[in-house]
Amino acid sequence: MEILVTRNIWLSFGGVVALMDVSLELKKGEILGLIGPNGAGKTALLNCITGFYKPQRGKIYFYGKEITNLSPYRLPKLGIGRTFQNIGLFSGLTVLENILAARHIFMKKQNMLTAALYVGWTKKEEALHREVAEEIVDFLDLQPWRNERVAFLPYGLRKRVELGRVLAMEPKILLLDEPMAGMNQEEKEEFTRYILEVFRGQKGAYSASEVLQRGVEGVILVEHDMGIVMNLANRIVVLDFGEKIAEGTPEEVKKNPRVIKAYLGEE
């Protein structure tokens, strides 16, 4: 079953063509690798999917519903979660507060008066959201830093907090844009474990967070570390200068002459 589909996406900025007729499908229960050289159009495609860019041509579907022209703020409510190349956390807030901030999309019964008085359903609702956030903190091994301001955390930990914030929105799919860029090997291995555990779900290990219980139904992973992509991905799509040049299993992509020439290099 195809969860997310892009059909013949064209995107240009003035005379610069960023994407040329790009189509891909994310199937239920798979991790899809999206690779290519710098400037190949990987982030541009994610920006089209998440509503930050509007393609001049083509359509985007999520569970069969067209989402091409939806505003970015509406997509998390549908179940599309995304991390970014550049960390966009609230540097003045703590780890726990950053994760709690993402729960705003589920807050339905609060208004200025009830929030100010902090009674009744407002108090109960915040307790429920805090329980979810605490489970995510526990899952990502962030307990020692839960009350630390993220501005003072090392890079690898901030990347973990960003993943936690996305998980707090209970996504059905994850779009991860170079989540391990700038990490050392140990940090990459740890982050890879988190991705796999979120993908598979933790069943009875957590009670408040739905996404930790059930897992996500699909992942699109943009990553330059080819070893990680080849180990994690079920299928891989390769972009070069905005054009899809290859698609297939990791083994098929590794042997593709166009991929070797454009991305992996030639001997």
C-alpha atoms as a PDB file:
ATOM      1  CA  MET A   1       0.000   0.000   0.000  1.00  0.00           C
ATOM      2  CA  GLU A   2       1.316   3.436  -0.975  1.00  0.00           C
ATOM      3  CA  ILE A   3       1.140   5.942   1.882  1.00  0.00           C
ATOM      4  CA  LEU A   4       2.757   8.982   0.279  1.00  0.00           C
ATOM      5  CA  VAL A   5       2.953   9.599  -3.464  1.00  0.00           C
ATOM      6  CA  THR A   6       4.494  12.420  -5.494  1.00  0.00           C
ATOM      7  CA  ARG A   7       3.546  12.528  -9.157  1.00  0.00           C
ATOM      8  CA  ASN A   8       5.582  14.388 -11.774  1.00  0.00           C
ATOM      9  CA  ILE A   9       6.738  17.207  -9.500  1.00  0.00           C
ATOM     10  CA  TRP A  10       8.281  20.244 -11.182  1.00  0.00           C
ATOM     11  CA  LEU A  11       9.756  23.072  -9.135  1.00  0.00           C
ATOM     12  CA  SER A  12      11.761  26.044 -10.309  1.00  0.00           C
ATOM     13  CA  PHE A  13      13.030  29.325  -8.901  1.00  0.00           C
ATOM     14  CA  GLY A  14      13.214  31.801 -11.731  1.00  0.00           C
ATOM     15  CA  GLY A  15      15.441  30.160 -14.318  1.00  0.00           C
ATOM     16  CA  VAL A  16      16.766  27.521 -11.925  1.00  0.00           C
ATOM     17  CA  VAL A  17      14.996  24.175 -12.129  1.00  0.00           C
ATOM     18  CA  ALA A  18      15.155  22.419  -8.736  1.00  0.00           C
ATOM     19  CA  LEU A  19      12.974  19.390  -9.516  1.00  0.00           C
ATOM     20  CA  MET A  20      12.191  17.875 -12.905  1.00  0.00           C
ATOM     21  CA  ASP A  21       9.260  15.467 -13.191  1.00  0.00           C
ATOM     22  CA  VAL A  22      10.047  13.689  -9.909  1.00  0.00           C
ATOM     23  CA  SER A  23       7.788  10.834  -8.853  1.00  0.00           C
ATOM     24  CA  LEU A  24       8.191   8.555  -5.843  1.00  0.00           C
ATOM     25  CA  GLU A  25       6.101   6.358  -3.581  1.00  0.00           C
ATOM     26  CA  LEU A  26       6.520   5.601   0.103  1.00  0.00           C
ATOM     27  CA  LYS A  27       4.960   2.224   0.839  1.00  0.00           C
ATOM     28  CA  LYS A  28       3.504   1.136   4.149  1.00  0.00           C
ATOM     29  CA  GLY A  29       6.090  -0.557   6.345  1.00  0.00           C
ATOM     30  CA  GLU A  30       9.223   0.666   4.588  1.00  0.00           C
ATOM     31  CA  ILE A  31      12.133   3.020   5.060  1.00  0.00           C
ATOM     32  CA  LEU A  32      12.800   4.855   1.806  1.00  0.00           C
ATOM     33  CA  GLY A  33      16.248   6.354   1.342  1.00  0.00           C
ATOM     34  CA  LEU A  34      16.498   9.595  -0.644  1.00  0.00           C
ATOM     35  CA  ILE A  35      20.050  10.324  -1.722  1.00  0.00           C
ATOM     36  CA  GLY A  36      21.992  12.496  -4.140  1.00  0.00           C
ATOM     37  CA  PRO A  37      24.787  15.064  -4.238  1.00  0.00           C
ATOM     38  CA  ASN A  38      24.431  18.466  -2.585  1.00  0.00           C
ATOM     39  CA  GLY A  39      21.938  20.521  -4.554  1.00  0.00           C
ATOM     40  CA  ALA A  40      20.290  17.459  -6.091  1.00  0.00           C
ATOM     41  CA  GLY A  41      16.820  18.517  -4.897  1.00  0.00           C
ATOM     42  CA  LYS A  42      16.302  16.259  -1.859  1.00  0.00           C
ATOM     43  CA  THR A  43      15.346  19.001   0.593  1.00  0.00           C
ATOM     44  CA  ALA A  44      13.358  20.799  -2.113  1.00  0.00           C
ATOM     45  CA  LEU A  45      11.254  17.670  -2.557  1.00  0.00           C
ATOM     46  CA  LEU A  46      10.638  17.398   1.208  1.00  0.00           C
ATOM     47  CA  ASN A  47       9.699  21.090   1.212  1.00  0.00           C
ATOM     48  CA  CYS A  48       7.120  20.395  -1.492  1.00  0.00           C
ATOM     49  CA  ILE A  49       5.689  17.464   0.473  1.00  0.00           C
ATOM     50  CA  THR A  50       5.425  19.510   3.665  1.00  0.00           C
ATOM     51  CA  GLY A  51       3.926  22.586   2.016  1.00  0.00           C
ATOM     52  CA  PHE A  52       6.853  24.998   2.309  1.00  0.00           C
ATOM     53  CA  TYR A  53       7.245  25.049  -1.484  1.00  0.00           C
ATOM     54  CA  LYS A  54       4.413  24.877  -3.983  1.00  0.00           C
ATOM     55  CA  PRO A  55       5.401  22.963  -7.145  1.00  0.00           C
ATOM     56  CA  GLN A  56       4.512  24.528 -10.463  1.00  0.00           C
ATOM     57  CA  ARG A  57       3.361  21.133 -11.763  1.00  0.00           C
ATOM     58  CA  GLY A  58       2.563  17.752 -10.280  1.00  0.00           C
ATOM     59  CA  LYS A  59       0.497  16.326  -7.437  1.00  0.00           C
ATOM     60  CA  ILE A  60       1.208  14.995  -3.950  1.00  0.00           C
ATOM     61  CA  TYR A  61      -1.039  12.452  -2.210  1.00  0.00           C
ATOM     62  CA  PHE A  62      -1.132  11.199   1.384  1.00  0.00           C
ATOM     63  CA  TYR A  63      -3.273   8.098   1.929  1.00  0.00           C
ATOM     64  CA  GLY A  64      -4.986   8.861  -1.375  1.00  0.00           C
ATOM     65  CA  LYS A  65      -5.883  12.453  -0.450  1.00  0.00           C
ATOM     66  CA  GLU A  66      -4.285  15.262  -2.434  1.00  0.00           C
ATOM     67  CA  ILE A  67      -2.220  17.547  -0.196  1.00  0.00           C
ATOM     68  CA  THR A  68      -0.323  19.522  -2.865  1.00  0.00           C
ATOM     69  CA  ASN A  69      -1.618  22.940  -1.846  1.00  0.00           C
ATOM     70  CA  LEU A  70      -2.199  22.436   1.865  1.00  0.00           C
ATOM     71  CA  SER A  71      -0.563  24.868   4.283  1.00  0.00           C
ATOM     72  CA  PRO A  72       2.394  23.513   6.305  1.00  0.00           C
ATOM     73  CA  TYR A  73       0.583  23.832   9.652  1.00  0.00           C
ATOM     74  CA  ARG A  74      -2.153  21.419   8.522  1.00  0.00           C
ATOM     75  CA  LEU A  75       0.156  18.515   7.640  1.00  0.00           C
ATOM     76  CA  PRO A  76       1.241  17.480  11.168  1.00  0.00           C
ATOM     77  CA  LYS A  77      -2.434  17.038  12.035  1.00  0.00           C
ATOM     78  CA  LEU A  78      -2.706  14.577   9.123  1.00  0.00           C
ATOM     79  CA  GLY A  79       0.251  12.596  10.440  1.00  0.00           C
ATOM     80  CA  ILE A  80       3.296  13.932   8.555  1.00  0.00           C
ATOM     81  CA  GLY A  81       6.253  14.611  10.839  1.00  0.00           C
ATOM     82  CA  ARG A  82       9.510  16.169   9.702  1.00  0.00           C
ATOM     83  CA  THR A  83      12.940  17.096  10.981  1.00  0.00           C
ATOM     84  CA  PHE A  84      15.122  19.718   9.288  1.00  0.00           C
ATOM     85  CA  GLN A  85      18.780  20.013   8.308  1.00  0.00           C
ATOM     86  CA  ASN A  86      19.152  23.079  10.509  1.00  0.00           C
ATOM     87  CA  ILE A  87      17.980  22.607  14.071  1.00  0.00           C
ATOM     88  CA  GLY A  88      15.040  24.884  14.856  1.00  0.00           C
ATOM     89  CA  LEU A  89      14.509  24.319  18.568  1.00  0.00           C
ATOM     90  CA  PHE A  90      13.478  26.994  21.070  1.00  0.00           C
ATOM     91  CA  SER A  91      16.910  27.648  22.544  1.00  0.00           C
ATOM     92  CA  GLY A  92      15.579  29.382  25.656  1.00  0.00           C
ATOM     93  CA  LEU A  93      13.331  26.465  26.619  1.00  0.00           C
ATOM     94  CA  THR A  94      14.289  23.225  28.313  1.00  0.00           C
ATOM     95  CA  VAL A  95      14.359  19.802  26.683  1.00  0.00           C
ATOM     96  CA  LEU A  96      10.985  18.897  28.179  1.00  0.00           C
ATOM     97  CA  GLU A  97       9.429  22.253  27.259  1.00  0.00           C
ATOM     98  CA  ASN A  98      10.542  21.908  23.624  1.00  0.00           C
ATOM     99  CA  ILE A  99       8.887  18.513  23.386  1.00  0.00           C
ATOM    100  CA  LEU A 100       5.753  19.747  25.151  1.00  0.00           C
ATOM    101  CA  ALA A 101       5.503  22.652  22.696  1.00  0.00           C
ATOM    102  CA  ALA A 102       4.757  20.207  19.882  1.00  0.00           C
ATOM    103  CA  ARG A 103       1.666  18.953  21.699  1.00  0.00           C
ATOM    104  CA  HIS A 104      -0.184  22.172  20.900  1.00  0.00           C
ATOM    105  CA  ILE A 105      -1.850  20.528  17.901  1.00  0.00           C
ATOM    106  CA  PHE A 106      -3.796  18.295  20.300  1.00  0.00           C
ATOM    107  CA  MET A 107      -4.917  21.008  22.718  1.00  0.00           C
ATOM    108  CA  LYS A 108      -8.612  21.470  21.962  1.00  0.00           C
ATOM    109  CA  LYS A 109     -10.305  22.544  25.176  1.00  0.00           C
ATOM    110  CA  GLN A 110      -8.135  25.393  26.377  1.00  0.00           C
ATOM    111  CA  ASN A 111      -8.746  29.120  26.069  1.00  0.00           C
ATOM    112  CA  MET A 112      -7.146  32.180  27.627  1.00  0.00           C
ATOM    113  CA  LEU A 113      -9.359  32.071  30.723  1.00  0.00           C
ATOM    114  CA  THR A 114      -8.959  28.359  31.525  1.00  0.00           C
ATOM    115  CA  ALA A 115      -5.230  28.542  30.826  1.00  0.00           C
ATOM    116  CA  ALA A 116      -4.846  31.499  33.173  1.00  0.00           C
ATOM    117  CA  LEU A 117      -6.851  29.854  35.949  1.00  0.00           C
ATOM    118  CA  TYR A 118      -5.246  26.451  35.347  1.00  0.00           C
ATOM    119  CA  VAL A 119      -8.216  24.451  36.638  1.00  0.00           C
ATOM    120  CA  GLY A 120     -10.512  21.678  35.456  1.00  0.00           C
ATOM    121  CA  TRP A 121      -9.879  20.203  32.042  1.00  0.00           C
ATOM    122  CA  THR A 122      -6.917  22.506  31.412  1.00  0.00           C
ATOM    123  CA  LYS A 123      -5.008  20.974  34.300  1.00  0.00           C
ATOM    124  CA  LYS A 124      -5.989  17.430  33.340  1.00  0.00           C
ATOM    125  CA  GLU A 125      -5.107  17.983  29.669  1.00  0.00           C
ATOM    126  CA  GLU A 126      -1.661  19.352  30.474  1.00  0.00           C
ATOM    127  CA  ALA A 127      -0.982  16.349  32.704  1.00  0.00           C
ATOM    128  CA  LEU A 128      -1.814  14.021  29.810  1.00  0.00           C
ATOM    129  CA  HIS A 129       0.473  15.887  27.405  1.00  0.00           C
ATOM    130  CA  ARG A 130       3.251  16.003  29.985  1.00  0.00           C
ATOM    131  CA  GLU A 131       3.024  12.222  30.384  1.00  0.00           C
ATOM    132  CA  VAL A 132       3.554  11.788  26.641  1.00  0.00           C
ATOM    133  CA  ALA A 133       6.527  14.170  26.696  1.00  0.00           C
ATOM    134  CA  GLU A 134       8.078  12.362  29.661  1.00  0.00           C
ATOM    135  CA  GLU A 135       7.826   9.028  27.826  1.00  0.00           C
ATOM    136  CA  ILE A 136       9.584  10.533  24.807  1.00  0.00           C
ATOM    137  CA  VAL A 137      12.315  11.947  27.049  1.00  0.00           C
ATOM    138  CA  ASP A 138      12.743   8.468  28.516  1.00  0.00           C
ATOM    139  CA  PHE A 139      12.747   6.761  25.104  1.00  0.00           C
ATOM    140  CA  LEU A 140      15.462   9.079  23.762  1.00  0.00           C
ATOM    141  CA  ASP A 141      17.582   8.739  26.924  1.00  0.00           C
ATOM    142  CA  LEU A 142      17.307  12.463  27.640  1.00  0.00           C
ATOM    143  CA  GLN A 143      16.457  12.192  31.340  1.00  0.00           C
ATOM    144  CA  PRO A 144      19.729  13.768  32.584  1.00  0.00           C
ATOM    145  CA  TRP A 145      19.020  16.882  30.492  1.00  0.00           C
ATOM    146  CA  ARG A 146      15.212  17.124  30.733  1.00  0.00           C
ATOM    147  CA  ASN A 147      15.366  20.458  32.587  1.00  0.00           C
ATOM    148  CA  GLU A 148      18.383  21.866  30.748  1.00  0.00           C
ATOM    149  CA  ARG A 149      17.972  24.678  28.241  1.00  0.00           C
ATOM    150  CA  VAL A 150      18.694  23.297  24.791  1.00  0.00           C
ATOM    151  CA  ALA A 151      21.013  26.213  23.972  1.00  0.00           C
ATOM    152  CA  PHE A 152      23.592  24.643  26.273  1.00  0.00           C
ATOM    153  CA  LEU A 153      23.341  21.102  24.917  1.00  0.00           C
ATOM    154  CA  PRO A 154      25.878  19.567  22.499  1.00  0.00           C
ATOM    155  CA  TYR A 155      24.853  19.142  18.876  1.00  0.00           C
ATOM    156  CA  GLY A 156      24.058  15.439  19.036  1.00  0.00           C
ATOM    157  CA  LEU A 157      21.683  15.884  21.965  1.00  0.00           C
ATOM    158  CA  ARG A 158      19.890  18.769  20.263  1.00  0.00           C
ATOM    159  CA  LYS A 159      19.291  16.495  17.272  1.00  0.00           C
ATOM    160  CA  ARG A 160      17.695  14.005  19.656  1.00  0.00           C
ATOM    161  CA  VAL A 161      15.466  16.722  21.109  1.00  0.00           C
ATOM    162  CA  GLU A 162      14.370  17.681  17.602  1.00  0.00           C
ATOM    163  CA  LEU A 163      13.380  14.062  16.920  1.00  0.00           C
ATOM    164  CA  GLY A 164      11.531  14.039  20.230  1.00  0.00           C
ATOM    165  CA  ARG A 165       9.588  17.134  19.286  1.00  0.00           C
ATOM    166  CA  VAL A 166       8.453  15.494  16.052  1.00  0.00           C
ATOM    167  CA  LEU A 167       7.459  12.314  17.899  1.00  0.00           C
ATOM    168  CA  ALA A 168       5.332  14.414  20.262  1.00  0.00           C
ATOM    169  CA  MET A 169       3.058  15.163  17.278  1.00  0.00           C
ATOM    170  CA  GLU A 170       2.259  11.419  16.934  1.00  0.00           C
ATOM    171  CA  PRO A 171       3.193  11.184  13.225  1.00  0.00           C
ATOM    172  CA  LYS A 172       2.147   8.358  10.931  1.00  0.00           C
ATOM    173  CA  ILE A 173       5.233   8.899   8.748  1.00  0.00           C
ATOM    174  CA  LEU A 174       8.592  10.555   9.355  1.00  0.00           C
ATOM    175  CA  LEU A 175      10.546  12.696   6.894  1.00  0.00           C
ATOM    176  CA  LEU A 176      14.101  12.919   8.216  1.00  0.00           C
ATOM    177  CA  ASP A 177      16.292  15.491   6.471  1.00  0.00           C
ATOM    178  CA  GLU A 178      19.942  14.611   7.211  1.00  0.00           C
ATOM    179  CA  PRO A 179      19.203  13.770  10.868  1.00  0.00           C
ATOM    180  CA  MET A 180      22.753  12.524  11.504  1.00  0.00           C
ATOM    181  CA  ALA A 181      24.742  15.235   9.733  1.00  0.00           C
ATOM    182  CA  GLY A 182      27.642  16.432  11.886  1.00  0.00           C
ATOM    183  CA  MET A 183      27.502  13.491  14.295  1.00  0.00           C
ATOM    184  CA  ASN A 184      30.374  11.201  15.189  1.00  0.00           C
ATOM    185  CA  GLN A 185      30.124   7.459  14.572  1.00  0.00           C
ATOM    186  CA  GLU A 186      28.895   6.612  18.061  1.00  0.00           C
ATOM    187  CA  GLU A 187      26.146   9.233  17.875  1.00  0.00           C
ATOM    188  CA  LYS A 188      25.106   7.976  14.439  1.00  0.00           C
ATOM    189  CA  GLU A 189      24.789   4.405  15.677  1.00  0.00           C
ATOM    190  CA  GLU A 190      22.691   5.563  18.611  1.00  0.00           C
ATOM    191  CA  PHE A 191      20.443   7.708  16.422  1.00  0.00           C
ATOM    192  CA  THR A 192      20.028   4.826  13.971  1.00  0.00           C
ATOM    193  CA  ARG A 193      18.743   2.692  16.848  1.00  0.00           C
ATOM    194  CA  TYR A 194      16.141   5.346  17.712  1.00  0.00           C
ATOM    195  CA  ILE A 195      14.919   5.443  14.105  1.00  0.00           C
ATOM    196  CA  LEU A 196      14.541   1.673  13.964  1.00  0.00           C
ATOM    197  CA  GLU A 197      12.779   1.490  17.327  1.00  0.00           C
ATOM    198  CA  VAL A 198      10.348   4.257  16.371  1.00  0.00           C
ATOM    199  CA  PHE A 199       9.746   2.556  13.031  1.00  0.00           C
ATOM    200  CA  ARG A 200       8.953  -0.798  14.642  1.00  0.00           C
ATOM    201  CA  GLY A 201       7.099   0.506  17.695  1.00  0.00           C
ATOM    202  CA  GLN A 202       7.638  -0.441  21.320  1.00  0.00           C
ATOM    203  CA  LYS A 203       4.285  -2.160  21.928  1.00  0.00           C
ATOM    204  CA  GLY A 204       3.641  -2.322  25.695  1.00  0.00           C
ATOM    205  CA  ALA A 205       6.751  -0.433  26.776  1.00  0.00           C
ATOM    206  CA  TYR A 206       4.899   2.916  26.746  1.00  0.00           C
ATOM    207  CA  SER A 207       1.292   3.716  27.585  1.00  0.00           C
ATOM    208  CA  ALA A 208       0.781   7.442  26.850  1.00  0.00           C
ATOM    209  CA  SER A 209       2.591   7.975  23.530  1.00  0.00           C
ATOM    210  CA  GLU A 210       0.732   6.409  20.618  1.00  0.00           C
ATOM    211  CA  VAL A 211       3.659   6.681  18.221  1.00  0.00           C
ATOM    212  CA  LEU A 212       6.009   4.887  20.617  1.00  0.00           C
ATOM    213  CA  GLN A 213       3.449   2.119  21.022  1.00  0.00           C
ATOM    214  CA  ARG A 214       2.525   1.512  17.380  1.00  0.00           C
ATOM    215  CA  GLY A 215       5.551   2.904  15.558  1.00  0.00           C
ATOM    216  CA  VAL A 216       5.352   4.811  12.297  1.00  0.00           C
ATOM    217  CA  GLU A 217       4.080   3.409   9.026  1.00  0.00           C
ATOM    218  CA  GLY A 218       6.902   4.725   6.863  1.00  0.00           C
ATOM    219  CA  VAL A 219      10.086   6.795   6.843  1.00  0.00           C
ATOM    220  CA  ILE A 220      11.793   8.886   4.168  1.00  0.00           C
ATOM    221  CA  LEU A 221      15.443   9.271   5.105  1.00  0.00           C
ATOM    222  CA  VAL A 222      17.710  11.874   3.495  1.00  0.00           C
ATOM    223  CA  GLU A 223      21.277  11.083   4.485  1.00  0.00           C
ATOM    224  CA  HIS A 224      24.780  11.458   3.055  1.00  0.00           C
ATOM    225  CA  ASP A 225      26.294   8.580   5.020  1.00  0.00           C
ATOM    226  CA  MET A 226      25.914   5.825   2.459  1.00  0.00           C
ATOM    227  CA  GLY A 227      26.636   3.070   4.955  1.00  0.00           C
ATOM    228  CA  ILE A 228      23.669   4.120   7.090  1.00  0.00           C
ATOM    229  CA  VAL A 229      21.331   4.457   4.110  1.00  0.00           C
ATOM    230  CA  MET A 230      22.320   1.081   2.691  1.00  0.00           C
ATOM    231  CA  ASN A 231      21.758  -0.601   6.058  1.00  0.00           C
ATOM    232  CA  LEU A 232      18.470   1.106   6.944  1.00  0.00           C
ATOM    233  CA  ALA A 233      16.597   1.555   3.669  1.00  0.00           C
ATOM    234  CA  ASN A 234      14.343  -1.018   2.025  1.00  0.00           C
ATOM    235  CA  ARG A 235      14.434   0.996  -1.196  1.00  0.00           C
ATOM    236  CA  ILE A 236      16.408   4.008  -2.380  1.00  0.00           C
ATOM    237  CA  VAL A 237      15.563   6.882  -4.733  1.00  0.00           C
ATOM    238  CA  VAL A 238      18.476   8.830  -6.207  1.00  0.00           C
ATOM    239  CA  LEU A 239      18.261  12.447  -7.384  1.00  0.00           C
ATOM    240  CA  ASP A 240      20.821  14.350  -9.422  1.00  0.00           C
ATOM    241  CA  PHE A 241      20.360  17.958 -10.560  1.00  0.00           C
ATOM    242  CA  GLY A 242      16.650  17.719  -9.700  1.00  0.00           C
ATOM    243  CA  GLU A 243      16.037  14.565 -11.736  1.00  0.00           C
ATOM    244  CA  LYS A 244      15.362  11.053 -10.502  1.00  0.00           C
ATOM    245  CA  ILE A 245      18.123   8.916 -11.994  1.00  0.00           C
ATOM    246  CA  ALA A 246      17.615   5.631 -10.148  1.00  0.00           C
ATOM    247  CA  GLU A 247      15.288   3.708  -7.858  1.00  0.00           C
ATOM    248  CA  GLY A 248      15.537   0.249  -6.354  1.00  0.00           C
ATOM    249  CA  THR A 249      16.929  -1.843  -3.546  1.00  0.00           C
ATOM    250  CA  PRO A 250      20.255  -0.836  -1.962  1.00  0.00           C
ATOM    251  CA  GLU A 251      22.030  -3.561  -3.926  1.00  0.00           C
ATOM    252  CA  GLU A 252      20.509  -2.402  -7.220  1.00  0.00           C
ATOM    253  CA  VAL A 253      21.352   1.244  -6.538  1.00  0.00           C
ATOM    254  CA  LYS A 254      24.961   0.446  -5.596  1.00  0.00           C
ATOM    255  CA  LYS A 255      25.471  -1.197  -8.992  1.00  0.00           C
ATOM    256  CA  ASN A 256      23.681   1.459 -11.059  1.00  0.00           C
ATOM    257  CA  PRO A 257      26.225   3.174 -13.386  1.00  0.00           C
ATOM    258  CA  ARG A 258      24.434   6.535 -13.240  1.00  0.00           C
ATOM    259  CA  VAL A 259      24.499   6.507  -9.444  1.00  0.00           C
ATOM    260  CA  ILE A 260      28.157   5.544  -9.352  1.00  0.00           C
ATOM    261  CA  LYS A 261      28.989   8.373 -11.710  1.00  0.00           C
ATOM    262  CA  ALA A 262      26.787  11.045 -10.105  1.00  0.00           C
ATOM    263  CA  TYR A 263      27.123  10.282  -6.433  1.00  0.00           C
ATOM    264  CA  LEU A 264      29.354   7.445  -5.365  1.00  0.00           C
ATOM    265  CA  GLY A 265      32.227   8.304  -7.684  1.00  0.00           C
ATOM    266  CA  GLU A 266      34.124   6.353 -10.303  1.00  0.00           C
ATOM    267  CA  GLU A 267      37.443   4.576 -10.043  1.00  0.00           C
END
